[in-house]
N, C-alpha and C. Protein backbone atom coordinates (compact mmCIF):
# COMPACT_ATOMS: atom_id res chain seq x y z
N UNK A 1 0.83 -1.21 0.00
CA UNK A 1 0.00 0.00 0.00
C UNK A 1 0.86 1.25 0.00
N UNK A 2 1.92 1.27 0.83
CA UNK A 2 2.79 2.43 0.92
C UNK A 2 3.51 2.67 -0.40
N UNK A 3 3.92 1.57 -1.05
CA UNK A 3 4.58 1.70 -2.34
C UNK A 3 3.62 2.28 -3.36
N UNK A 4 2.35 1.80 -3.33
CA UNK A 4 1.33 2.29 -4.26
C UNK A 4 1.11 3.79 -4.09
N UNK A 5 1.00 4.22 -2.83
CA UNK A 5 0.78 5.64 -2.55
C UNK A 5 1.95 6.47 -3.06
N UNK A 6 3.17 5.97 -2.84
CA UNK A 6 4.36 6.70 -3.29
C UNK A 6 4.37 6.84 -4.80
N UNK A 7 3.98 5.76 -5.51
CA UNK A 7 3.95 5.82 -6.97
C UNK A 7 2.91 6.82 -7.44
N UNK A 8 1.74 6.81 -6.81
CA UNK A 8 0.69 7.75 -7.17
C UNK A 8 1.15 9.18 -6.96
N UNK A 9 1.78 9.46 -5.80
CA UNK A 9 2.25 10.81 -5.52
C UNK A 9 3.29 11.24 -6.56
N UNK A 10 4.16 10.31 -6.93
CA UNK A 10 5.19 10.66 -7.90
C UNK A 10 4.57 10.98 -9.25
N UNK A 11 3.60 10.16 -9.69
CA UNK A 11 2.97 10.39 -10.97
C UNK A 11 2.18 11.69 -10.98
N UNK A 12 1.50 11.98 -9.88
CA UNK A 12 0.73 13.21 -9.80
C UNK A 12 1.66 14.41 -9.82
N UNK A 13 2.85 14.26 -9.18
CA UNK A 13 3.78 15.38 -9.07
C UNK A 13 4.52 15.64 -10.36
N UNK A 14 4.65 14.64 -11.22
CA UNK A 14 5.41 14.82 -12.45
C UNK A 14 4.72 15.85 -13.33
N UNK A 15 5.45 16.88 -13.69
CA UNK A 15 4.86 17.97 -14.45
C UNK A 15 5.30 17.94 -15.90
N UNK A 16 4.37 18.18 -16.79
CA UNK A 16 4.73 18.39 -18.18
C UNK A 16 5.21 19.82 -18.30
N UNK A 17 6.39 19.98 -18.86
CA UNK A 17 6.96 21.32 -18.90
C UNK A 17 6.23 22.19 -19.92
N UNK A 18 5.21 22.87 -19.43
CA UNK A 18 4.44 23.79 -20.25
C UNK A 18 5.20 25.11 -20.34
N UNK A 19 4.64 26.02 -21.11
CA UNK A 19 5.22 27.36 -21.20
C UNK A 19 4.48 28.26 -20.22
N UNK A 20 5.09 28.50 -19.08
CA UNK A 20 4.45 29.32 -18.05
C UNK A 20 4.51 30.79 -18.43
N UNK A 21 3.57 31.54 -17.90
CA UNK A 21 3.58 32.99 -18.03
C UNK A 21 3.39 33.61 -16.66
N UNK A 22 4.34 34.43 -16.26
CA UNK A 22 4.22 35.12 -14.98
C UNK A 22 3.80 36.56 -15.22
N UNK A 23 3.09 37.10 -14.26
CA UNK A 23 2.58 38.46 -14.34
C UNK A 23 2.99 39.22 -13.09
N UNK A 24 3.34 40.49 -13.26
CA UNK A 24 3.64 41.33 -12.11
C UNK A 24 4.95 40.97 -11.46
N UNK A 25 4.98 41.08 -10.13
CA UNK A 25 6.21 40.85 -9.36
C UNK A 25 5.99 39.76 -8.33
N UNK A 26 7.06 39.44 -7.60
CA UNK A 26 6.94 38.42 -6.56
C UNK A 26 5.98 38.85 -5.45
N UNK A 27 5.83 40.16 -5.24
CA UNK A 27 4.96 40.67 -4.17
C UNK A 27 3.58 41.08 -4.65
N UNK A 28 3.36 41.09 -5.97
CA UNK A 28 2.05 41.42 -6.53
C UNK A 28 1.99 40.82 -7.92
N UNK A 29 1.52 39.59 -8.00
CA UNK A 29 1.54 38.94 -9.30
C UNK A 29 0.60 37.76 -9.38
N UNK A 30 0.67 37.08 -10.51
CA UNK A 30 -0.08 35.84 -10.72
C UNK A 30 0.69 34.99 -11.72
N UNK A 31 0.15 33.80 -12.03
CA UNK A 31 0.89 32.82 -12.82
C UNK A 31 -0.08 32.00 -13.66
N UNK A 32 0.33 31.69 -14.89
CA UNK A 32 -0.44 30.81 -15.76
C UNK A 32 0.42 29.62 -16.16
N UNK A 33 -0.22 28.45 -16.29
CA UNK A 33 0.46 27.22 -16.71
C UNK A 33 1.63 26.87 -15.79
N UNK A 34 1.33 26.80 -14.52
CA UNK A 34 2.37 26.51 -13.52
C UNK A 34 2.75 25.03 -13.53
N UNK A 35 3.90 24.73 -12.96
CA UNK A 35 4.34 23.36 -12.74
C UNK A 35 4.48 23.11 -11.24
N UNK A 36 4.00 21.98 -10.81
CA UNK A 36 4.13 21.63 -9.38
C UNK A 36 5.47 20.96 -9.15
N UNK A 37 6.10 21.27 -8.04
CA UNK A 37 7.32 20.56 -7.65
C UNK A 37 7.00 19.10 -7.38
N UNK A 38 7.90 18.17 -7.77
CA UNK A 38 7.70 16.78 -7.36
C UNK A 38 7.65 16.69 -5.84
N UNK A 39 6.88 15.76 -5.34
CA UNK A 39 6.76 15.65 -3.88
C UNK A 39 8.04 15.11 -3.24
N UNK A 40 8.83 14.38 -4.02
CA UNK A 40 10.08 13.83 -3.51
C UNK A 40 10.98 13.46 -4.67
N UNK A 41 12.24 13.25 -4.35
CA UNK A 41 13.22 12.79 -5.32
C UNK A 41 14.28 11.97 -4.61
N UNK A 42 15.33 11.63 -5.30
CA UNK A 42 16.37 10.76 -4.73
C UNK A 42 17.00 11.36 -3.49
N UNK A 43 17.14 12.68 -3.45
CA UNK A 43 17.84 13.33 -2.34
C UNK A 43 17.06 14.50 -1.74
N UNK A 44 15.77 14.57 -2.01
CA UNK A 44 14.98 15.68 -1.49
C UNK A 44 13.52 15.27 -1.31
N UNK A 45 12.82 16.07 -0.54
CA UNK A 45 11.38 15.86 -0.37
C UNK A 45 10.71 17.19 -0.03
N UNK A 46 9.40 17.19 -0.14
CA UNK A 46 8.61 18.35 0.23
C UNK A 46 8.57 18.50 1.74
N UNK A 47 8.36 19.71 2.20
CA UNK A 47 8.26 19.98 3.63
C UNK A 47 7.01 19.37 4.25
N UNK A 48 6.01 19.03 3.43
CA UNK A 48 4.77 18.46 3.94
C UNK A 48 3.99 17.81 2.81
N UNK A 49 3.68 16.53 2.94
CA UNK A 49 2.87 15.86 1.93
C UNK A 49 1.45 16.42 1.92
N UNK A 50 0.96 16.81 3.09
CA UNK A 50 -0.39 17.37 3.20
C UNK A 50 -0.46 18.71 2.46
N UNK A 51 0.50 19.59 2.71
CA UNK A 51 0.49 20.90 2.07
C UNK A 51 0.88 20.81 0.60
N UNK A 52 1.66 19.79 0.25
CA UNK A 52 1.93 19.53 -1.16
C UNK A 52 0.62 19.22 -1.88
N UNK A 53 -0.17 18.32 -1.28
CA UNK A 53 -1.47 17.98 -1.87
C UNK A 53 -2.42 19.17 -1.87
N UNK A 54 -2.24 20.08 -0.91
CA UNK A 54 -3.09 21.27 -0.84
C UNK A 54 -2.75 22.29 -1.92
N UNK A 55 -1.64 22.07 -2.63
CA UNK A 55 -1.31 22.93 -3.76
C UNK A 55 -0.45 24.13 -3.44
N UNK A 56 0.47 23.99 -2.47
CA UNK A 56 1.31 25.11 -2.08
C UNK A 56 2.73 25.01 -2.63
N UNK A 57 2.93 24.20 -3.67
CA UNK A 57 4.29 24.01 -4.20
C UNK A 57 4.32 24.14 -5.72
N UNK A 58 3.64 25.15 -6.24
CA UNK A 58 3.66 25.42 -7.68
C UNK A 58 4.69 26.52 -7.99
N UNK A 59 5.25 26.42 -9.22
CA UNK A 59 6.25 27.38 -9.67
C UNK A 59 6.08 27.65 -11.16
N UNK A 60 6.66 28.73 -11.62
CA UNK A 60 6.88 28.91 -13.06
C UNK A 60 7.67 27.69 -13.52
N UNK A 61 7.30 27.10 -14.64
CA UNK A 61 7.92 25.84 -15.06
C UNK A 61 9.43 25.95 -15.26
N UNK A 62 9.91 27.10 -15.73
CA UNK A 62 11.36 27.27 -15.90
C UNK A 62 12.07 27.28 -14.55
N UNK A 63 11.46 27.90 -13.55
CA UNK A 63 12.04 27.91 -12.21
C UNK A 63 11.99 26.52 -11.59
N UNK A 64 10.90 25.81 -11.81
CA UNK A 64 10.78 24.45 -11.31
C UNK A 64 11.87 23.56 -11.90
N UNK A 65 12.13 23.73 -13.20
CA UNK A 65 13.16 22.93 -13.86
C UNK A 65 14.54 23.20 -13.26
N UNK A 66 14.81 24.45 -12.92
CA UNK A 66 16.08 24.81 -12.30
C UNK A 66 16.24 24.08 -10.97
N UNK A 67 15.20 24.11 -10.15
CA UNK A 67 15.26 23.48 -8.83
C UNK A 67 15.48 21.98 -8.97
N UNK A 68 14.74 21.34 -9.86
CA UNK A 68 14.88 19.89 -10.05
C UNK A 68 16.25 19.54 -10.63
N UNK A 69 16.72 20.32 -11.59
CA UNK A 69 18.06 20.09 -12.17
C UNK A 69 19.15 20.17 -11.10
N UNK A 70 19.02 21.16 -10.22
CA UNK A 70 20.03 21.34 -9.17
C UNK A 70 20.06 20.13 -8.23
N UNK A 71 18.89 19.63 -7.87
CA UNK A 71 18.85 18.44 -7.01
C UNK A 71 19.46 17.24 -7.72
N UNK A 72 19.20 17.11 -9.02
CA UNK A 72 19.75 15.98 -9.77
C UNK A 72 21.28 16.05 -9.82
N UNK A 73 21.82 17.24 -9.98
CA UNK A 73 23.27 17.42 -9.99
C UNK A 73 23.87 17.06 -8.63
N UNK A 74 23.21 17.48 -7.57
CA UNK A 74 23.70 17.18 -6.22
C UNK A 74 23.62 15.68 -5.92
N UNK A 75 22.57 15.02 -6.40
CA UNK A 75 22.43 13.58 -6.18
C UNK A 75 23.58 12.82 -6.81
N UNK A 76 24.09 13.33 -7.92
CA UNK A 76 25.21 12.69 -8.61
C UNK A 76 26.54 13.01 -7.94
N UNK A 77 26.73 14.26 -7.54
CA UNK A 77 28.03 14.69 -7.01
C UNK A 77 28.16 14.55 -5.49
N UNK A 78 27.03 14.64 -4.79
CA UNK A 78 27.03 14.52 -3.32
C UNK A 78 25.85 13.66 -2.89
N UNK A 79 25.90 12.38 -3.18
CA UNK A 79 24.75 11.51 -2.95
C UNK A 79 24.31 11.38 -1.50
N UNK A 80 25.16 11.73 -0.55
CA UNK A 80 24.79 11.59 0.86
C UNK A 80 23.96 12.77 1.37
N UNK A 81 23.97 13.89 0.66
CA UNK A 81 23.23 15.06 1.11
C UNK A 81 21.73 14.84 0.97
N UNK A 82 21.00 15.27 2.00
CA UNK A 82 19.54 15.19 2.00
C UNK A 82 18.96 16.59 2.14
N UNK A 83 17.95 16.90 1.33
CA UNK A 83 17.38 18.24 1.30
C UNK A 83 15.86 18.22 1.47
N UNK A 84 15.36 19.33 1.95
CA UNK A 84 13.91 19.54 2.08
C UNK A 84 13.59 20.91 1.50
N UNK A 85 12.62 20.97 0.62
CA UNK A 85 12.20 22.28 0.13
C UNK A 85 10.90 22.68 0.81
N UNK A 86 10.68 23.99 0.90
CA UNK A 86 9.50 24.50 1.59
C UNK A 86 8.47 25.04 0.62
N UNK A 87 7.87 26.16 0.96
CA UNK A 87 6.77 26.72 0.19
C UNK A 87 7.26 27.38 -1.10
N UNK A 88 6.42 27.32 -2.13
CA UNK A 88 6.73 27.99 -3.39
C UNK A 88 5.59 28.94 -3.77
N UNK A 89 4.40 28.42 -4.03
CA UNK A 89 3.30 29.30 -4.38
C UNK A 89 2.08 28.53 -4.83
N UNK A 90 1.00 29.26 -5.07
CA UNK A 90 -0.25 28.67 -5.55
C UNK A 90 -0.18 28.36 -7.04
N UNK A 91 -1.08 27.53 -7.50
CA UNK A 91 -1.11 27.14 -8.91
C UNK A 91 -1.28 28.34 -9.84
N UNK A 92 -2.07 29.30 -9.38
CA UNK A 92 -2.32 30.48 -10.22
C UNK A 92 -1.68 31.74 -9.64
N UNK A 93 -0.73 31.54 -8.74
CA UNK A 93 -0.05 32.67 -8.13
C UNK A 93 -0.99 33.46 -7.23
N UNK A 94 -0.69 34.74 -7.08
CA UNK A 94 -1.52 35.59 -6.24
C UNK A 94 -1.15 35.52 -4.78
N UNK A 95 -1.95 36.12 -3.95
CA UNK A 95 -1.69 36.21 -2.52
C UNK A 95 -1.43 34.84 -1.92
N UNK A 96 -0.36 34.74 -1.13
CA UNK A 96 0.08 33.45 -0.61
C UNK A 96 0.42 33.62 0.87
N UNK A 97 -0.60 33.68 1.69
CA UNK A 97 -0.40 33.90 3.12
C UNK A 97 0.34 32.73 3.74
N UNK A 98 1.23 33.00 4.73
CA UNK A 98 1.52 34.29 5.37
C UNK A 98 2.65 35.06 4.68
N UNK A 99 3.07 34.62 3.52
CA UNK A 99 4.20 35.24 2.83
C UNK A 99 3.81 36.59 2.22
N UNK A 100 4.81 37.46 2.12
CA UNK A 100 4.60 38.74 1.45
C UNK A 100 4.96 38.67 -0.03
N UNK A 101 5.64 37.59 -0.41
CA UNK A 101 6.02 37.40 -1.81
C UNK A 101 5.42 36.08 -2.32
N UNK A 102 6.14 35.34 -3.15
CA UNK A 102 5.68 34.05 -3.68
C UNK A 102 4.44 34.19 -4.55
N UNK A 103 4.26 35.32 -5.23
CA UNK A 103 3.00 35.54 -5.94
C UNK A 103 3.04 35.28 -7.44
N UNK A 104 4.22 35.25 -8.06
CA UNK A 104 4.24 35.08 -9.52
C UNK A 104 5.04 33.86 -9.98
N UNK A 105 5.24 32.91 -9.08
CA UNK A 105 5.88 31.65 -9.45
C UNK A 105 7.39 31.66 -9.51
N UNK A 106 8.01 32.70 -8.95
CA UNK A 106 9.47 32.81 -9.03
C UNK A 106 10.15 32.77 -7.66
N UNK A 107 9.41 32.42 -6.62
CA UNK A 107 9.96 32.40 -5.26
C UNK A 107 9.94 30.97 -4.71
N UNK A 108 11.05 30.60 -4.06
CA UNK A 108 11.16 29.27 -3.46
C UNK A 108 11.80 29.38 -2.09
N UNK A 109 11.25 28.66 -1.13
CA UNK A 109 11.88 28.50 0.18
C UNK A 109 12.55 27.14 0.24
N UNK A 110 13.80 27.11 0.67
CA UNK A 110 14.52 25.87 0.87
C UNK A 110 14.85 25.73 2.36
N UNK A 111 14.38 24.67 2.99
CA UNK A 111 14.72 24.45 4.39
C UNK A 111 16.23 24.14 4.47
N UNK A 112 16.88 24.62 5.50
CA UNK A 112 18.33 24.45 5.59
C UNK A 112 18.70 22.98 5.73
N UNK A 113 19.76 22.53 5.05
CA UNK A 113 20.24 21.16 5.23
C UNK A 113 20.93 21.03 6.59
N UNK A 114 20.80 19.88 7.21
CA UNK A 114 21.34 19.69 8.55
C UNK A 114 22.06 18.34 8.69
N UNK A 115 22.90 18.27 9.71
CA UNK A 115 23.58 17.03 10.08
C UNK A 115 23.17 16.64 11.48
N UNK A 116 23.10 15.33 11.75
CA UNK A 116 22.80 14.87 13.10
C UNK A 116 24.06 14.80 13.94
N UNK A 117 23.94 14.29 15.14
CA UNK A 117 25.08 14.26 16.06
C UNK A 117 26.21 13.35 15.57
N UNK A 118 25.90 12.45 14.63
CA UNK A 118 26.93 11.57 14.06
C UNK A 118 27.56 12.19 12.81
N UNK A 119 27.12 13.39 12.47
CA UNK A 119 27.66 14.05 11.29
C UNK A 119 27.04 13.61 9.98
N UNK A 120 25.91 12.91 10.05
CA UNK A 120 25.24 12.42 8.86
C UNK A 120 24.21 13.44 8.37
N UNK A 121 24.11 13.58 7.07
CA UNK A 121 23.11 14.47 6.49
C UNK A 121 21.73 13.84 6.66
N UNK A 122 20.81 14.59 7.25
CA UNK A 122 19.45 14.11 7.48
C UNK A 122 18.46 15.22 7.09
N UNK A 123 17.24 14.87 6.73
CA UNK A 123 16.24 15.89 6.41
C UNK A 123 15.87 16.69 7.67
N UNK A 124 15.69 17.98 7.52
CA UNK A 124 15.20 18.79 8.62
C UNK A 124 13.81 18.30 8.99
N UNK A 125 13.54 18.04 10.29
CA UNK A 125 12.21 17.56 10.68
C UNK A 125 11.17 18.66 10.52
N UNK A 126 10.20 18.43 9.67
CA UNK A 126 9.15 19.42 9.42
C UNK A 126 7.79 18.76 9.63
N UNK A 127 7.00 19.33 10.52
CA UNK A 127 5.70 18.76 10.84
C UNK A 127 4.80 19.86 11.39
N UNK A 128 3.56 19.49 11.66
CA UNK A 128 2.57 20.48 12.10
C UNK A 128 2.96 21.17 13.40
N UNK A 129 3.67 20.45 14.27
CA UNK A 129 4.00 21.01 15.59
C UNK A 129 5.13 22.04 15.54
N UNK A 130 5.89 22.10 14.45
CA UNK A 130 6.87 23.18 14.31
C UNK A 130 6.56 24.03 13.07
N UNK A 131 5.28 24.05 12.71
CA UNK A 131 4.77 24.78 11.55
C UNK A 131 5.57 24.42 10.32
N UNK A 132 5.75 23.09 10.16
CA UNK A 132 6.41 22.52 9.00
C UNK A 132 7.81 23.09 8.78
N UNK A 133 8.49 23.32 9.91
CA UNK A 133 9.88 23.78 9.89
C UNK A 133 10.03 25.27 10.05
N UNK A 134 8.99 26.03 9.81
CA UNK A 134 9.10 27.48 9.84
C UNK A 134 9.16 28.07 11.24
N UNK A 135 8.86 27.27 12.27
CA UNK A 135 8.97 27.75 13.64
C UNK A 135 10.27 27.30 14.31
N UNK A 136 11.10 26.57 13.58
CA UNK A 136 12.40 26.16 14.12
C UNK A 136 13.29 27.38 14.28
N UNK A 137 14.00 27.46 15.39
CA UNK A 137 14.92 28.56 15.65
C UNK A 137 16.33 28.02 15.85
N UNK A 138 17.22 28.36 14.94
CA UNK A 138 18.62 27.97 15.07
C UNK A 138 19.37 29.03 15.87
N UNK A 139 20.36 28.59 16.61
CA UNK A 139 21.25 29.55 17.27
C UNK A 139 22.14 30.17 16.21
N UNK A 140 22.83 31.26 16.58
CA UNK A 140 23.74 31.88 15.63
C UNK A 140 24.90 30.95 15.27
N UNK A 141 25.12 29.94 16.11
CA UNK A 141 26.15 28.93 15.82
C UNK A 141 25.62 27.85 14.88
N UNK A 142 24.34 27.97 14.48
CA UNK A 142 23.77 27.01 13.55
C UNK A 142 23.34 25.71 14.19
N UNK A 143 22.88 25.78 15.44
CA UNK A 143 22.47 24.57 16.16
C UNK A 143 20.99 24.60 16.50
N UNK A 144 20.38 23.43 16.44
CA UNK A 144 18.98 23.26 16.85
C UNK A 144 18.84 21.86 17.42
N UNK A 145 18.60 21.78 18.74
CA UNK A 145 18.54 20.50 19.44
C UNK A 145 19.81 19.71 19.13
N UNK A 146 19.68 18.49 18.56
CA UNK A 146 20.87 17.68 18.27
C UNK A 146 21.29 17.80 16.81
N UNK A 147 20.79 18.84 16.14
CA UNK A 147 21.10 19.04 14.73
C UNK A 147 22.03 20.24 14.54
N UNK A 148 22.80 20.19 13.47
CA UNK A 148 23.71 21.27 13.13
C UNK A 148 23.50 21.66 11.67
N UNK A 149 23.40 22.94 11.42
CA UNK A 149 23.22 23.41 10.05
C UNK A 149 24.44 23.04 9.22
N UNK A 150 24.20 22.42 8.08
CA UNK A 150 25.29 21.96 7.22
C UNK A 150 25.56 23.04 6.17
N UNK A 151 26.49 23.93 6.49
CA UNK A 151 26.79 25.04 5.59
C UNK A 151 27.44 24.57 4.29
N UNK A 152 28.22 23.51 4.34
CA UNK A 152 28.85 23.00 3.11
C UNK A 152 27.78 22.51 2.14
N UNK A 153 26.79 21.79 2.66
CA UNK A 153 25.70 21.30 1.81
C UNK A 153 24.88 22.47 1.27
N UNK A 154 24.67 23.46 2.10
CA UNK A 154 23.90 24.64 1.68
C UNK A 154 24.63 25.38 0.55
N UNK A 155 25.93 25.56 0.70
CA UNK A 155 26.72 26.26 -0.31
C UNK A 155 26.73 25.48 -1.63
N UNK A 156 26.87 24.17 -1.55
CA UNK A 156 26.88 23.36 -2.76
C UNK A 156 25.50 23.40 -3.43
N UNK A 157 24.45 23.47 -2.61
CA UNK A 157 23.10 23.58 -3.17
C UNK A 157 22.93 24.91 -3.91
N UNK A 158 23.39 25.98 -3.30
CA UNK A 158 23.29 27.28 -3.95
C UNK A 158 24.11 27.32 -5.24
N UNK A 159 25.26 26.67 -5.24
CA UNK A 159 26.08 26.62 -6.44
C UNK A 159 25.39 25.81 -7.54
N UNK A 160 24.76 24.71 -7.15
CA UNK A 160 24.04 23.88 -8.11
C UNK A 160 22.88 24.66 -8.72
N UNK A 161 22.19 25.44 -7.89
CA UNK A 161 21.08 26.26 -8.39
C UNK A 161 21.62 27.32 -9.35
N UNK A 162 22.71 27.95 -8.98
CA UNK A 162 23.30 28.98 -9.83
C UNK A 162 23.65 28.41 -11.21
N UNK A 163 24.28 27.24 -11.23
CA UNK A 163 24.67 26.62 -12.49
C UNK A 163 23.45 26.18 -13.31
N UNK A 164 22.46 25.59 -12.63
CA UNK A 164 21.26 25.14 -13.32
C UNK A 164 20.49 26.32 -13.89
N UNK A 165 20.44 27.42 -13.14
CA UNK A 165 19.75 28.62 -13.62
C UNK A 165 20.44 29.19 -14.85
N UNK A 166 21.76 29.25 -14.81
CA UNK A 166 22.52 29.78 -15.95
C UNK A 166 22.31 28.91 -17.19
N UNK A 167 22.26 27.59 -16.99
CA UNK A 167 22.08 26.68 -18.12
C UNK A 167 20.72 26.85 -18.78
N UNK A 168 19.74 27.27 -18.02
CA UNK A 168 18.38 27.44 -18.56
C UNK A 168 18.03 28.90 -18.83
N UNK A 169 18.98 29.79 -18.69
CA UNK A 169 18.72 31.18 -18.98
C UNK A 169 17.81 31.86 -17.97
N UNK A 170 17.85 31.38 -16.75
CA UNK A 170 17.04 31.94 -15.66
C UNK A 170 17.94 32.77 -14.75
N UNK A 171 17.51 33.96 -14.39
CA UNK A 171 18.30 34.78 -13.49
C UNK A 171 17.98 34.52 -12.03
N UNK A 172 18.86 34.97 -11.16
CA UNK A 172 18.62 34.90 -9.72
C UNK A 172 18.67 36.32 -9.18
N UNK A 173 17.56 36.79 -8.67
CA UNK A 173 17.48 38.15 -8.14
C UNK A 173 18.15 38.26 -6.79
N UNK A 174 17.77 37.38 -5.84
CA UNK A 174 18.30 37.51 -4.49
C UNK A 174 18.18 36.21 -3.72
N UNK A 175 18.99 36.13 -2.66
CA UNK A 175 18.95 35.02 -1.72
C UNK A 175 18.76 35.62 -0.33
N UNK A 176 17.67 35.28 0.33
CA UNK A 176 17.41 35.78 1.68
C UNK A 176 17.83 34.72 2.69
N UNK A 177 18.77 35.10 3.55
CA UNK A 177 19.25 34.22 4.62
C UNK A 177 19.75 35.12 5.73
N UNK A 178 19.54 34.72 6.96
CA UNK A 178 19.89 35.54 8.12
C UNK A 178 21.30 36.14 7.98
N UNK A 179 21.41 37.46 7.87
CA UNK A 179 22.74 38.08 7.68
C UNK A 179 23.73 37.73 8.77
N UNK A 180 23.25 37.51 9.99
CA UNK A 180 24.15 37.19 11.10
C UNK A 180 24.73 35.79 10.98
N UNK A 181 24.15 34.95 10.13
CA UNK A 181 24.63 33.59 9.96
C UNK A 181 25.42 33.41 8.67
N UNK A 182 25.52 34.45 7.89
CA UNK A 182 26.19 34.34 6.60
C UNK A 182 27.70 34.21 6.72
N UNK A 183 28.27 34.62 7.85
CA UNK A 183 29.72 34.52 8.01
C UNK A 183 30.18 33.07 7.93
N UNK A 184 29.38 32.14 8.46
CA UNK A 184 29.74 30.72 8.39
C UNK A 184 29.64 30.21 6.96
N UNK A 185 28.68 30.71 6.21
CA UNK A 185 28.53 30.32 4.82
C UNK A 185 29.76 30.75 4.01
N UNK A 186 30.35 31.87 4.41
CA UNK A 186 31.51 32.40 3.69
C UNK A 186 32.77 31.57 3.92
N UNK A 187 32.72 30.64 4.86
CA UNK A 187 33.88 29.79 5.13
C UNK A 187 33.82 28.48 4.35
N UNK A 188 32.79 28.28 3.55
CA UNK A 188 32.64 27.02 2.83
C UNK A 188 33.51 26.97 1.58
N UNK A 189 33.72 25.77 1.08
CA UNK A 189 34.57 25.57 -0.10
C UNK A 189 33.97 26.24 -1.34
N UNK A 190 32.65 26.25 -1.42
CA UNK A 190 32.00 26.77 -2.63
C UNK A 190 31.76 28.27 -2.58
N UNK A 191 32.10 28.92 -1.47
CA UNK A 191 31.74 30.33 -1.33
C UNK A 191 32.27 31.20 -2.47
N UNK A 192 33.49 30.97 -2.89
CA UNK A 192 34.07 31.82 -3.94
C UNK A 192 33.26 31.79 -5.23
N UNK A 193 32.49 30.71 -5.41
CA UNK A 193 31.69 30.57 -6.64
C UNK A 193 30.26 31.08 -6.47
N UNK A 194 29.86 31.39 -5.24
CA UNK A 194 28.50 31.89 -5.02
C UNK A 194 28.49 33.28 -4.40
N UNK A 195 29.68 33.83 -4.16
CA UNK A 195 29.78 35.14 -3.49
C UNK A 195 29.12 36.25 -4.29
N UNK A 196 28.98 36.03 -5.60
CA UNK A 196 28.38 37.07 -6.43
C UNK A 196 26.85 37.06 -6.40
N UNK A 197 26.25 36.08 -5.73
CA UNK A 197 24.80 36.08 -5.57
C UNK A 197 24.40 37.23 -4.64
N UNK A 198 23.23 37.76 -4.85
CA UNK A 198 22.76 38.91 -4.08
C UNK A 198 22.16 38.44 -2.75
N UNK A 199 23.01 38.27 -1.75
CA UNK A 199 22.56 37.85 -0.43
C UNK A 199 21.98 39.04 0.34
N UNK A 200 20.98 38.76 1.15
CA UNK A 200 20.34 39.81 1.94
C UNK A 200 21.34 40.46 2.89
N UNK A 201 21.28 41.77 2.98
CA UNK A 201 22.17 42.51 3.87
C UNK A 201 21.50 42.84 5.20
N UNK A 202 20.18 42.90 5.18
CA UNK A 202 19.42 43.20 6.39
C UNK A 202 18.40 42.10 6.65
N UNK A 203 18.04 41.94 7.90
CA UNK A 203 17.05 40.93 8.25
C UNK A 203 15.69 41.29 7.67
N UNK A 204 15.00 40.29 7.13
CA UNK A 204 13.65 40.48 6.61
C UNK A 204 12.65 40.46 7.77
N UNK A 205 11.37 40.52 7.43
CA UNK A 205 10.34 40.51 8.48
C UNK A 205 10.30 39.18 9.21
N UNK A 206 10.83 38.11 8.58
CA UNK A 206 11.10 36.85 9.28
C UNK A 206 12.59 36.60 9.20
N UNK A 207 13.12 35.83 10.13
CA UNK A 207 14.56 35.74 10.30
C UNK A 207 15.29 35.02 9.17
N UNK A 208 14.68 34.02 8.57
CA UNK A 208 15.34 33.21 7.54
C UNK A 208 16.58 32.51 8.07
N UNK A 209 16.40 31.80 9.17
CA UNK A 209 17.47 30.96 9.71
C UNK A 209 17.17 29.49 9.49
N UNK A 210 15.87 29.15 9.43
CA UNK A 210 15.46 27.76 9.19
C UNK A 210 15.31 27.46 7.71
N UNK A 211 15.32 28.52 6.90
CA UNK A 211 15.23 28.35 5.45
C UNK A 211 15.90 29.52 4.75
N UNK A 212 16.25 29.31 3.50
CA UNK A 212 16.74 30.41 2.67
C UNK A 212 15.79 30.55 1.49
N UNK A 213 15.49 31.78 1.18
CA UNK A 213 14.50 32.13 0.16
C UNK A 213 15.22 32.62 -1.09
N UNK A 214 14.83 32.08 -2.23
CA UNK A 214 15.42 32.50 -3.50
C UNK A 214 14.33 33.05 -4.41
N UNK A 215 14.58 34.21 -4.99
CA UNK A 215 13.72 34.79 -6.02
C UNK A 215 14.44 34.68 -7.36
N UNK A 216 13.82 34.03 -8.33
CA UNK A 216 14.38 33.92 -9.66
C UNK A 216 13.92 35.12 -10.51
N UNK A 217 14.56 35.29 -11.65
CA UNK A 217 14.23 36.36 -12.58
C UNK A 217 13.90 35.77 -13.95
N UNK A 218 12.69 36.07 -14.42
CA UNK A 218 12.24 35.69 -15.75
C UNK A 218 11.37 36.82 -16.28
N UNK A 219 11.25 36.96 -17.58
CA UNK A 219 10.38 38.02 -18.12
C UNK A 219 8.93 37.78 -17.72
N UNK A 220 8.32 38.76 -17.12
CA UNK A 220 6.92 38.66 -16.70
C UNK A 220 6.11 39.77 -17.36
N UNK A 221 4.86 39.48 -17.66
CA UNK A 221 3.96 40.49 -18.22
C UNK A 221 3.41 41.36 -17.10
N UNK A 222 2.93 42.51 -17.48
CA UNK A 222 2.31 43.40 -16.50
C UNK A 222 0.96 42.83 -16.08
N UNK A 223 0.56 43.12 -14.86
CA UNK A 223 -0.75 42.70 -14.38
C UNK A 223 -1.85 43.40 -15.15
């Protein structure tokens, strides 16, 4: 039964790469012909199967392809890394509470990759009792209970996204991540290759310590 459910979820999640059209901006927009993120892959999964089914993981198809391509590259080069992605947007874009953005299919939240006490890469625990990961609070040292934020995995993920975006002609506008925690990210092996990304300089209305938010750039029509 569990295998059957997994197959059904995978088939439902598989998107035909349509030609999406975005309108407006990330903070005031909408979307046509969206693609849903797969619910899981070899090295990643959705932050919630329930909210995935509720339709909170749609993207512009070009942005979705970038995210999936990046995970595929990481699965080949760093097969031990495990990732969890968070909220993206509604099927038709528009207001996406409680977020102030995520409205035109170009915004993605990625939950931070973590290691357990044995140093193994494990998925960040996301469930209803921690608001699917969004209520987790990391210390400035990158610690949460018996978990440690894996900055090397995060940097390699950002690099994979950068390369996948460039290959598909998709731009990256910004990366939102707690400015006070970025110093550790700058010590990673991949930092020299991602330092040119537009990282947030000031804290947003939410801290962005349990996840990093990426806004992609694609031509959008006016509302």
